[in-house]
Each structure stands twice: as structure tokens, then as C-alpha cells.
Amino acid sequence: MKFSLIAGTMPAAVAAAITIAATTVAPAAEPPIKIGVIASYSGPYADYGRQFDDGIALWLSEHGGKLAGRPVEIIKKDAPGAQPDLAKRLAQELVVKDKVNFFAGLDFSPNAFAVGAVAKEAKIPAIVMNASSSAIPTQSPFVARVSFTVQQVSDPMARWAVKNGITKVYTVVSDYGPGADSETAFEKAFTAAGGTVVGKVRTPLSNPDFSAYVQRIKDEKPQAVFFFFPSGVLPPAFLKAAKERGLEEAGIKLIATGEATDDSYLEATGDVALGLITSHHYSYGHDSAKNKAFIEGIYRVSGKKLRPSYFAVAAYDGMQALDLALAKTGGSLDGTKVMEALKGLSFESPRGPIEIDAATRDIVQTVYIRKTEKVNGELVNVEFDKFEKVKDPAKQ
């Protein structure tokens, strides 16, 4: 027997059977949301990638492994240190080969600039979870930042210093984009408040010998030294050089941004960090229920009792920001719609209240003044003062 499939000529029994079959076929599972994480997973800054992984893993563990109700696939790419050419190539691979929906991670600013250019061309949102050079979001409309800018944390340190009687400072920063940003922001705020920068120097990122720099500072006899280096190997080396050259005995105080006492490295840095005053947006010692739960959660998902740092916090918050943005888009992954939805988002983070500025796509948050102290036998950045709702000063 032959059946015609022309409309109106199909036997009723066959049509009914086809209808039943169609309604009983299981719906196709939604494909996962793909997030390409570009970060340092090897080399001296490998802890940055580990921290990103922990923050993302914790958020996913709290949300059933899903983002906006859909499964998530994390694709990790290793760009150790500041390697913009490599970061750009990896981003292009993530677009063409892996077909990612979002970029994330981005620990070094040169890499974030490079990936931002790819994000702009491909119209794929990039969530910056650390890179702190002020201009990153201005160079690409497909970048939003949930971490911080060095200007944002350097400016309050300058204002706090003058308020507390420090009026003559020598500045020391690493010779790359964020170092220049930190130097500029600190000097601008410090001189505006009545202080004087009596000397400044930029040091190489790779293996600098700080002893000569520290001796030069000691000879200049400022009241304090303000310094900025990327967290990891450089701050402890500078602190040890300052100790060996007797800056404290010479009456010269040390002040810095929070990279100097990054929670991940603080125990390894040791007692040379005691008494250091720093300004930053997160401390392991931040006293809130959300932060305590966050720390315990990181211990759980990592299987290790290693302190989370501001890298892990930003990764955790980056996932929250994407989830909230996708709720606003109704689940649409369209890059333009997601970027629009990210603007103006605000929520409570383990660091405190944060917001993505609607005009700049940059972070607005509290900056804390901390002192490194021993608490229950542990070195901790103890918050004792704060500046609320701080925007990147370069964009004001």
C-alpha cells in the first residue's frame, strides 16, 4: 500500500501515528554555554589561573553547574604572564575552533587589551577578572570589568596618606601599564591633597635588583615610600630589600596597593610584611557572612585550605554578573544584548557591594585601607578604614 504525503491526502491513522511520535520524542538538550578562560596556568604567576578556576568552580557548584539554567563548558588557555600576542592568538582559536560565547580570566593588562580587540571584532563579551590598566574597557565595547583598576586603589592610598600626616613620598612602580597608572593616580591625588613626590622610579618586571633603588630612596629621606608591583614574586623581594637597607630604622614608612600583600602569597612573604599599610578592594579578613561562606566554599571546591585572593573573588563575581545579565536578556547569548545587560548591574560580593558602571562598564566598589597584622598566628590584612563607591579616577 502506498501513502501520499501531500497535505489533505494522508490516511487518518498514519497522521495520528506521526503526531504521537512527534510529541513523544525527547527535546534536544540545550548546548552548553562556552566560556574561554585565558590566564596564567604555568610559570611564576600560575596561582592566578588556579584562583580563577576556584572562583568559577565555587559559583558553579552553588548553581548546579549551570549558568542561566544551562550547562557550562569552561575552556582554559594558558597565557603565562604578559604575552599579548599569545593571548590574541588563543582568543582567536577560542572563537574559530571552540566557538565560545564569552571570554573571561585575563590576568595581565597587555593580554586584556589584545583579547579586547578580538572580542570587539567577534562581538563576544569579555569579562575582565583581574587586569587593572584603566583604559582596557575604553578600547573595546565588548569588555566589562569586575575586578579593579590600579588607579582606583592608588588614589585612596594617596588621600589617606596626606590625611594621616605623610606629605613627602618617593614612588616605586613596575615599568608597565598598570605601574604607570598607579604612579599617575597616586601622584595626582597626593599633590592635590598637599603632598609632594620627592622622587620616583620605574623598575623592570623581570628580576630587578632592588638594593640600589632602596639605597637611593634612603639617601633621599622621604617620609614614606609608595610602591606598586604585580602580586607574586616582586613585593616580597622589595620588602626584604627595604628591611635589609634599614628603611624602617631611618624613619621611612612603606605604603602600597594590595598586590604587595596578596592573600595568596602573604604567608610565604612572612613577617617582613608586618605593619605594612595597603589599599585594596578585598581581604581574606573581610568581616562579612558572605565572605566567610565564600572562603569555606573555596576550601571545599579546591580540596585545599589555601586562602582565596582577589582573583578568586573576581572570578566568582564574574559568573554572577553573567548570570544576572543573561536573566535580563531572557537567556539570549547575543553579545550586544549581553553587554547592554551588564551595564548598571549591582550585587553583594564577598568583598562588599559592587556595581558595573553603566557609562564605563568598569567596576565601582569600596576600597579598604588595611594593615598587615598577626591574627590568631596568621598574617592578615586587617581593614581599618574605607572609601566607599570608588570609581576609576581616570574616568571621572
Protein backbone atom coordinates (compact mmCIF):
# COMPACT_ATOMS: atom_id res chain seq x y z
CA MET A 1 0.00 0.00 0.00
CA LYS A 2 1.26 3.46 -0.86
CA PHE A 3 0.55 6.64 1.10
CA SER A 4 0.73 10.12 -0.34
CA LEU A 5 2.29 12.76 1.95
CA ILE A 6 0.59 15.62 0.18
CA ALA A 7 -1.47 17.70 2.60
CA GLY A 8 -5.06 16.53 2.84
CA THR A 9 -4.40 13.06 1.36
CA MET A 10 -2.67 11.30 4.35
CA PRO A 11 -4.78 8.49 5.90
CA ALA A 12 -6.02 9.49 9.37
CA ALA A 13 -4.35 6.55 11.17
CA VAL A 14 -0.93 7.39 9.70
CA ALA A 15 -1.32 11.08 10.55
CA ALA A 16 -2.25 10.20 14.11
CA ALA A 17 0.75 7.90 14.47
CA ILE A 18 3.11 10.61 13.20
CA THR A 19 1.56 13.12 15.61
CA ILE A 20 2.02 10.79 18.59
CA ALA A 21 5.62 10.05 17.63
CA ALA A 22 6.40 13.73 17.28
CA THR A 23 5.05 14.53 20.73
CA THR A 24 6.93 11.71 22.46
CA VAL A 25 10.41 12.50 21.08
CA ALA A 26 12.58 13.93 23.91
CA PRO A 27 13.53 17.56 23.35
CA ALA A 28 17.13 18.10 22.34
CA ALA A 29 19.35 19.15 25.24
CA GLU A 30 20.49 22.75 25.12
CA PRO A 31 24.15 23.09 24.16
CA PRO A 32 26.44 24.31 26.93
CA ILE A 33 27.44 27.91 27.34
CA LYS A 34 31.12 28.01 26.45
CA ILE A 35 33.47 30.28 28.39
CA GLY A 36 37.09 30.65 27.29
CA VAL A 37 39.32 31.48 30.25
CA ILE A 38 42.67 32.99 29.25
CA ALA A 39 45.09 33.21 32.18
CA SER A 40 48.47 32.23 33.60
CA TYR A 41 48.35 28.49 34.28
CA SER A 42 52.11 27.98 34.27
CA GLY A 43 55.21 29.93 35.24
CA PRO A 44 55.68 32.25 38.23
CA TYR A 45 52.10 33.54 38.05
CA ALA A 46 50.36 30.15 37.77
CA ASP A 47 48.48 30.82 41.01
CA TYR A 48 46.44 33.44 39.13
CA GLY A 49 44.85 30.76 36.93
CA ARG A 50 44.26 28.48 39.90
CA GLN A 51 42.45 31.27 41.73
CA PHE A 52 40.25 31.97 38.70
CA ASP A 53 39.40 28.26 38.49
CA ASP A 54 38.46 28.10 42.17
CA GLY A 55 36.17 31.14 41.99
CA ILE A 56 34.39 29.86 38.88
CA ALA A 57 34.10 26.33 40.32
CA LEU A 58 32.57 27.62 43.55
CA TRP A 59 29.93 29.67 41.75
CA LEU A 60 29.01 26.73 39.51
CA SER A 61 28.86 24.35 42.48
CA GLU A 62 26.35 26.66 44.14
CA HIS A 63 24.20 26.81 40.99
CA GLY A 64 24.02 23.19 39.90
CA GLY A 65 26.82 23.59 37.38
CA LYS A 66 24.65 25.90 35.29
CA LEU A 67 24.62 29.48 34.11
CA ALA A 68 21.19 30.94 33.36
CA GLY A 69 19.83 27.39 33.66
CA ARG A 70 22.17 25.98 31.03
CA PRO A 71 25.20 23.71 31.41
CA VAL A 72 28.60 25.38 31.22
CA GLU A 73 31.79 24.32 29.48
CA ILE A 74 34.99 26.02 30.66
CA ILE A 75 37.82 26.02 28.11
CA LYS A 76 41.14 27.05 29.66
CA LYS A 77 44.02 28.59 27.73
CA ASP A 78 47.45 29.22 29.22
CA ALA A 79 48.97 32.66 28.58
CA PRO A 80 51.62 32.89 31.30
CA GLY A 81 52.48 36.47 32.25
CA ALA A 82 52.23 39.46 29.96
CA GLN A 83 52.13 37.94 26.45
CA PRO A 84 49.64 39.90 24.33
CA ASP A 85 50.50 38.19 21.04
CA LEU A 86 49.91 34.76 22.57
CA ALA A 87 46.71 35.92 24.28
CA LYS A 88 45.37 37.27 20.99
CA ARG A 89 46.13 34.01 19.16
CA LEU A 90 44.45 31.98 21.91
CA ALA A 91 41.39 34.24 21.77
CA GLN A 92 41.15 33.76 18.01
CA GLU A 93 41.35 29.98 18.49
CA LEU A 94 38.57 30.16 21.05
CA VAL A 95 36.38 32.00 18.54
CA VAL A 96 37.10 29.93 15.44
CA LYS A 97 37.73 26.46 16.84
CA ASP A 98 35.88 26.36 20.15
CA LYS A 99 33.09 28.82 19.28
CA VAL A 100 32.96 30.30 22.77
CA ASN A 101 30.17 32.56 23.96
CA PHE A 102 32.31 34.54 26.39
CA PHE A 103 35.91 35.34 27.24
CA ALA A 104 36.98 35.50 30.89
CA GLY A 105 40.04 35.49 33.13
CA LEU A 106 42.60 37.96 31.74
CA ASP A 107 45.12 38.50 34.50
CA PHE A 108 47.64 40.82 32.77
CA SER A 109 46.64 44.11 31.18
CA PRO A 110 48.57 43.71 27.89
CA ASN A 111 46.74 40.42 27.37
CA ALA A 112 43.38 42.02 28.16
CA PHE A 113 43.96 44.76 25.58
CA ALA A 114 44.78 42.10 22.96
CA VAL A 115 41.76 39.94 23.78
CA GLY A 116 39.53 43.01 23.91
CA ALA A 117 40.35 43.69 20.26
CA VAL A 118 39.32 40.14 19.32
CA ALA A 119 36.17 40.47 21.42
CA LYS A 120 35.25 43.65 19.56
CA GLU A 121 35.71 42.04 16.15
CA ALA A 122 33.85 38.84 17.07
CA LYS A 123 31.21 40.62 19.21
CA ILE A 124 31.88 38.24 22.08
CA PRO A 125 31.73 39.72 25.63
CA ALA A 126 34.95 39.60 27.64
CA ILE A 127 34.76 39.66 31.45
CA VAL A 128 38.00 41.01 32.93
CA MET A 129 38.64 39.24 36.23
CA ASN A 130 41.90 40.97 37.12
CA ALA A 131 43.75 43.07 34.50
CA SER A 132 43.80 46.53 36.03
CA SER A 133 45.01 49.06 33.47
CA SER A 134 42.48 51.87 33.40
CA ALA A 135 41.99 52.07 29.62
CA ILE A 136 41.01 48.43 28.97
CA PRO A 137 37.20 48.93 28.70
CA THR A 138 37.62 52.14 26.70
CA GLN A 139 39.44 50.24 23.95
CA SER A 140 36.65 47.71 23.33
CA PRO A 141 32.86 47.98 23.70
CA PHE A 142 32.77 44.23 24.38
CA VAL A 143 34.73 44.38 27.64
CA ALA A 144 33.34 44.71 31.18
CA ARG A 145 35.49 44.59 34.30
CA VAL A 146 34.57 43.01 37.66
CA SER A 147 37.99 43.31 39.32
CA PHE A 148 39.54 46.74 39.92
CA THR A 149 41.85 49.32 38.41
CA VAL A 150 45.19 50.25 39.92
CA GLN A 151 44.16 53.90 39.77
CA GLN A 152 41.07 53.03 41.79
CA VAL A 153 43.15 51.64 44.67
CA SER A 154 46.14 54.01 44.36
CA ASP A 155 44.13 57.23 44.62
CA PRO A 156 42.62 56.41 48.06
CA MET A 157 46.06 55.43 49.39
CA ALA A 158 47.35 58.89 48.49
CA ARG A 159 44.43 60.65 50.12
CA TRP A 160 44.72 58.52 53.26
CA ALA A 161 48.47 59.21 53.49
CA VAL A 162 48.12 63.01 53.47
CA LYS A 163 45.19 62.82 55.90
CA ASN A 164 47.50 60.93 58.26
CA GLY A 165 50.45 63.31 58.12
CA ILE A 166 52.53 61.82 55.29
CA THR A 167 53.42 64.69 52.96
CA LYS A 168 56.73 63.66 51.33
CA VAL A 169 56.80 60.40 49.38
CA TYR A 170 59.07 58.55 46.96
CA THR A 171 57.22 56.30 44.46
CA VAL A 172 58.44 52.96 43.06
CA VAL A 173 56.40 51.07 40.45
CA SER A 174 56.89 48.31 37.89
CA ASP A 175 57.61 49.60 34.41
CA TYR A 176 54.46 48.56 32.53
CA GLY A 177 50.91 49.88 32.01
CA PRO A 178 49.43 49.30 35.48
CA GLY A 179 52.62 50.59 37.12
CA ALA A 180 52.36 53.83 35.18
CA ASP A 181 48.65 54.06 36.07
CA SER A 182 49.42 53.59 39.75
CA GLU A 183 52.18 56.19 39.74
CA THR A 184 49.99 58.72 37.91
CA ALA A 185 46.93 58.23 40.13
CA PHE A 186 48.89 58.35 43.36
CA GLU A 187 50.85 61.48 42.40
CA LYS A 188 47.76 63.31 41.17
CA ALA A 189 45.75 62.65 44.34
CA PHE A 190 48.75 63.14 46.64
CA THR A 191 49.77 66.52 45.26
CA ALA A 192 46.14 67.67 45.07
CA ALA A 193 45.85 66.96 48.81
CA GLY A 194 49.02 68.95 49.55
CA GLY A 195 51.72 66.28 49.39
CA THR A 196 54.99 66.29 47.46
CA VAL A 197 56.52 63.45 45.46
CA VAL A 198 60.26 63.86 46.09
CA GLY A 199 61.39 61.16 43.67
CA LYS A 200 60.10 58.32 41.53
CA VAL A 201 61.42 55.30 39.69
CA ARG A 202 60.05 52.55 37.45
CA THR A 203 61.68 49.14 37.78
CA PRO A 204 61.75 46.24 35.27
CA LEU A 205 59.19 43.45 35.61
CA SER A 206 61.80 40.71 35.32
CA ASN A 207 64.25 40.06 38.15
CA PRO A 208 65.04 43.60 39.29
CA ASP A 209 67.75 44.09 41.92
CA PHE A 210 66.00 46.39 44.38
CA SER A 211 69.01 47.11 46.61
CA ALA A 212 70.29 50.07 44.57
CA TYR A 213 66.81 51.58 44.29
CA VAL A 214 66.23 51.24 48.03
CA GLN A 215 69.58 52.86 48.85
CA ARG A 216 68.70 55.79 46.59
CA ILE A 217 65.40 56.17 48.44
CA LYS A 218 67.12 56.04 51.83
CA ASP A 219 69.52 58.80 50.76
CA GLU A 220 66.57 60.97 49.66
CA LYS A 221 65.00 60.69 53.16
CA PRO A 222 61.27 60.85 52.31
CA GLN A 223 58.64 60.26 54.99
CA ALA A 224 57.36 57.24 53.10
CA VAL A 225 57.71 55.07 50.02
CA PHE A 226 54.64 54.23 47.96
CA PHE A 227 55.12 51.15 45.79
CA PHE A 228 53.21 49.08 43.25
CA PHE A 229 54.23 45.71 41.78
CA PRO A 230 52.08 42.87 40.41
CA SER A 231 51.34 40.39 43.17
CA GLY A 232 53.62 37.40 43.44
CA VAL A 233 57.42 37.41 43.49
CA LEU A 234 58.24 41.14 43.35
CA PRO A 235 56.60 42.60 46.51
CA PRO A 236 58.38 40.21 48.93
CA ALA A 237 61.69 40.94 47.21
CA PHE A 238 61.17 44.69 47.62
CA LEU A 239 60.10 44.33 51.26
CA LYS A 240 63.20 42.26 52.04
CA ALA A 241 65.46 44.80 50.36
CA ALA A 242 63.81 47.59 52.37
CA LYS A 243 64.36 45.60 55.56
CA GLU A 244 68.00 44.88 54.76
CA ARG A 245 68.72 48.52 53.91
CA GLY A 246 67.11 49.75 57.14
CA LEU A 247 64.32 51.97 55.80
CA GLU A 248 62.25 51.46 58.95
CA GLU A 249 65.17 52.41 61.19
CA ALA A 250 65.67 55.51 59.05
CA GLY A 251 62.06 56.51 59.82
CA ILE A 252 60.81 55.83 56.29
CA LYS A 253 57.36 54.24 56.19
CA LEU A 254 56.16 51.84 53.50
CA ILE A 255 52.71 52.12 51.91
CA ALA A 256 51.41 50.24 48.89
CA THR A 257 48.48 48.86 46.96
CA GLY A 258 47.11 45.47 48.00
CA GLU A 259 49.15 43.50 45.48
CA ALA A 260 52.00 43.83 47.99
CA THR A 261 50.15 41.65 50.48
CA ASP A 262 48.09 39.45 48.16
CA ASP A 263 46.40 36.88 50.41
CA SER A 264 47.69 34.02 48.27
CA TYR A 265 51.31 34.99 48.92
CA LEU A 266 51.11 36.62 52.35
CA GLU A 267 52.18 33.64 54.46
CA ALA A 268 55.11 33.00 52.12
CA THR A 269 56.06 36.68 52.26
CA GLY A 270 56.42 36.36 56.01
CA ASP A 271 56.96 38.87 58.79
CA VAL A 272 58.62 41.46 56.52
CA ALA A 273 55.02 42.39 55.65
CA LEU A 274 54.04 43.16 59.25
CA GLY A 275 52.79 46.70 59.73
CA LEU A 276 52.54 47.46 56.00
CA ILE A 277 49.64 49.78 55.17
CA THR A 278 47.90 48.91 51.89
CA SER A 279 44.79 49.91 49.95
CA HIS A 280 42.70 47.35 48.11
CA HIS A 281 39.22 46.09 47.34
CA TYR A 282 39.37 42.66 49.04
CA SER A 283 40.92 41.00 52.05
CA TYR A 284 40.67 37.40 53.20
CA GLY A 285 39.99 39.01 56.57
CA HIS A 286 36.96 41.00 55.34
CA ASP A 287 34.35 40.65 58.08
CA SER A 288 31.08 39.61 56.45
CA ALA A 289 28.92 36.50 56.43
CA LYS A 290 29.17 36.31 52.64
CA ASN A 291 32.97 36.36 52.72
CA LYS A 292 33.14 33.69 55.42
CA ALA A 293 30.85 31.45 53.35
CA PHE A 294 32.95 32.21 50.26
CA ILE A 295 36.18 31.17 51.97
CA GLU A 296 34.68 27.92 53.25
CA GLY A 297 33.28 27.26 49.78
CA ILE A 298 36.68 27.76 48.15
CA TYR A 299 38.23 25.31 50.62
CA ARG A 300 35.51 22.82 49.70
CA VAL A 301 35.73 23.00 45.91
CA SER A 302 39.52 23.16 45.80
CA GLY A 303 40.03 20.41 48.35
CA LYS A 304 42.78 22.55 49.88
CA LYS A 305 42.89 25.05 52.70
CA LEU A 306 44.58 27.70 50.58
CA ARG A 307 43.41 31.27 51.01
CA PRO A 308 41.35 32.72 48.19
CA SER A 309 42.59 36.06 46.90
CA TYR A 310 41.01 38.89 44.95
CA PHE A 311 41.48 36.80 41.79
CA ALA A 312 39.08 34.14 43.07
CA VAL A 313 36.60 36.78 44.24
CA ALA A 314 36.54 38.47 40.82
CA ALA A 315 36.07 35.13 39.05
CA TYR A 316 33.17 34.28 41.37
CA ASP A 317 31.63 37.71 40.81
CA GLY A 318 32.19 37.50 37.06
CA MET A 319 30.00 34.41 36.92
CA GLN A 320 27.33 36.16 38.98
CA ALA A 321 27.44 39.15 36.64
CA LEU A 322 26.98 36.92 33.59
CA ASP A 323 24.07 35.10 35.23
CA LEU A 324 22.32 38.36 36.06
CA ALA A 325 22.96 39.73 32.57
CA LEU A 326 21.54 36.61 30.93
CA ALA A 327 18.45 36.92 33.11
CA LYS A 328 17.98 40.40 31.67
CA THR A 329 18.44 39.16 28.09
CA GLY A 330 15.96 36.32 28.62
CA GLY A 331 18.77 33.83 28.06
CA SER A 332 19.94 35.34 24.78
CA LEU A 333 23.68 34.96 24.24
CA ASP A 334 23.81 37.75 21.69
CA GLY A 335 26.96 39.69 22.53
CA THR A 336 25.50 43.14 22.05
CA LYS A 337 22.50 42.35 24.24
CA VAL A 338 24.67 40.83 26.97
CA MET A 339 26.97 43.86 27.05
CA GLU A 340 23.96 46.14 27.38
CA ALA A 341 22.59 43.97 30.19
CA LEU A 342 25.88 44.10 32.11
CA LYS A 343 25.68 47.88 32.38
CA GLY A 344 24.46 49.05 35.77
CA LEU A 345 24.37 45.63 37.44
CA SER A 346 24.84 45.77 41.21
CA PHE A 347 25.04 43.00 43.79
CA GLU A 348 26.71 41.91 47.01
CA SER A 349 30.13 40.34 46.64
CA PRO A 350 32.36 38.65 49.23
CA ARG A 351 34.30 41.95 49.11
CA GLY A 352 31.19 44.08 49.75
CA PRO A 353 28.75 45.90 47.43
CA ILE A 354 29.86 46.25 43.79
CA GLU A 355 28.42 47.75 40.61
CA ILE A 356 29.31 47.74 36.91
CA ASP A 357 29.14 51.39 35.93
CA ALA A 358 26.57 51.88 33.18
CA ALA A 359 28.64 54.52 31.40
CA THR A 360 32.09 52.91 31.53
CA ARG A 361 31.47 49.15 32.04
CA ASP A 362 34.00 49.41 34.85
CA ILE A 363 33.76 48.41 38.50
CA VAL A 364 32.51 50.66 41.31
CA GLN A 365 33.33 49.40 44.81
CA THR A 366 34.64 50.05 48.31
CA VAL A 367 38.40 50.46 48.67
CA TYR A 368 39.71 49.46 52.09
CA ILE A 369 42.78 50.68 53.97
CA ARG A 370 44.40 47.69 55.69
CA LYS A 371 47.31 46.92 57.99
CA THR A 372 49.12 43.59 57.94
CA GLU A 373 48.89 42.07 61.41
CA LYS A 374 49.15 38.72 63.14
CA VAL A 375 45.68 37.39 63.95
CA ASN A 376 45.48 34.00 65.70
CA GLY A 377 49.00 33.30 64.48
CA GLU A 378 48.17 34.18 60.84
CA LEU A 379 49.25 37.16 58.79
CA VAL A 380 46.07 39.03 57.83
CA ASN A 381 45.25 42.28 56.04
CA VAL A 382 43.09 43.90 58.72
CA GLU A 383 40.73 46.55 57.32
CA PHE A 384 40.52 49.69 59.47
CA ASP A 385 39.35 52.45 57.11
CA LYS A 386 37.50 52.64 53.80
CA PHE A 387 36.46 54.76 50.84
CA GLU A 388 33.00 53.82 49.55
CA LYS A 389 31.64 53.74 46.00
CA VAL A 390 35.01 54.44 44.41
CA LYS A 391 35.07 54.75 40.62
CA ASP A 392 38.16 54.63 38.47
CA PRO A 393 39.52 58.18 38.88
CA ALA A 394 40.78 58.18 35.30
CA LYS A 395 37.17 58.13 34.12
CA GLN A 396 35.84 60.94 36.26
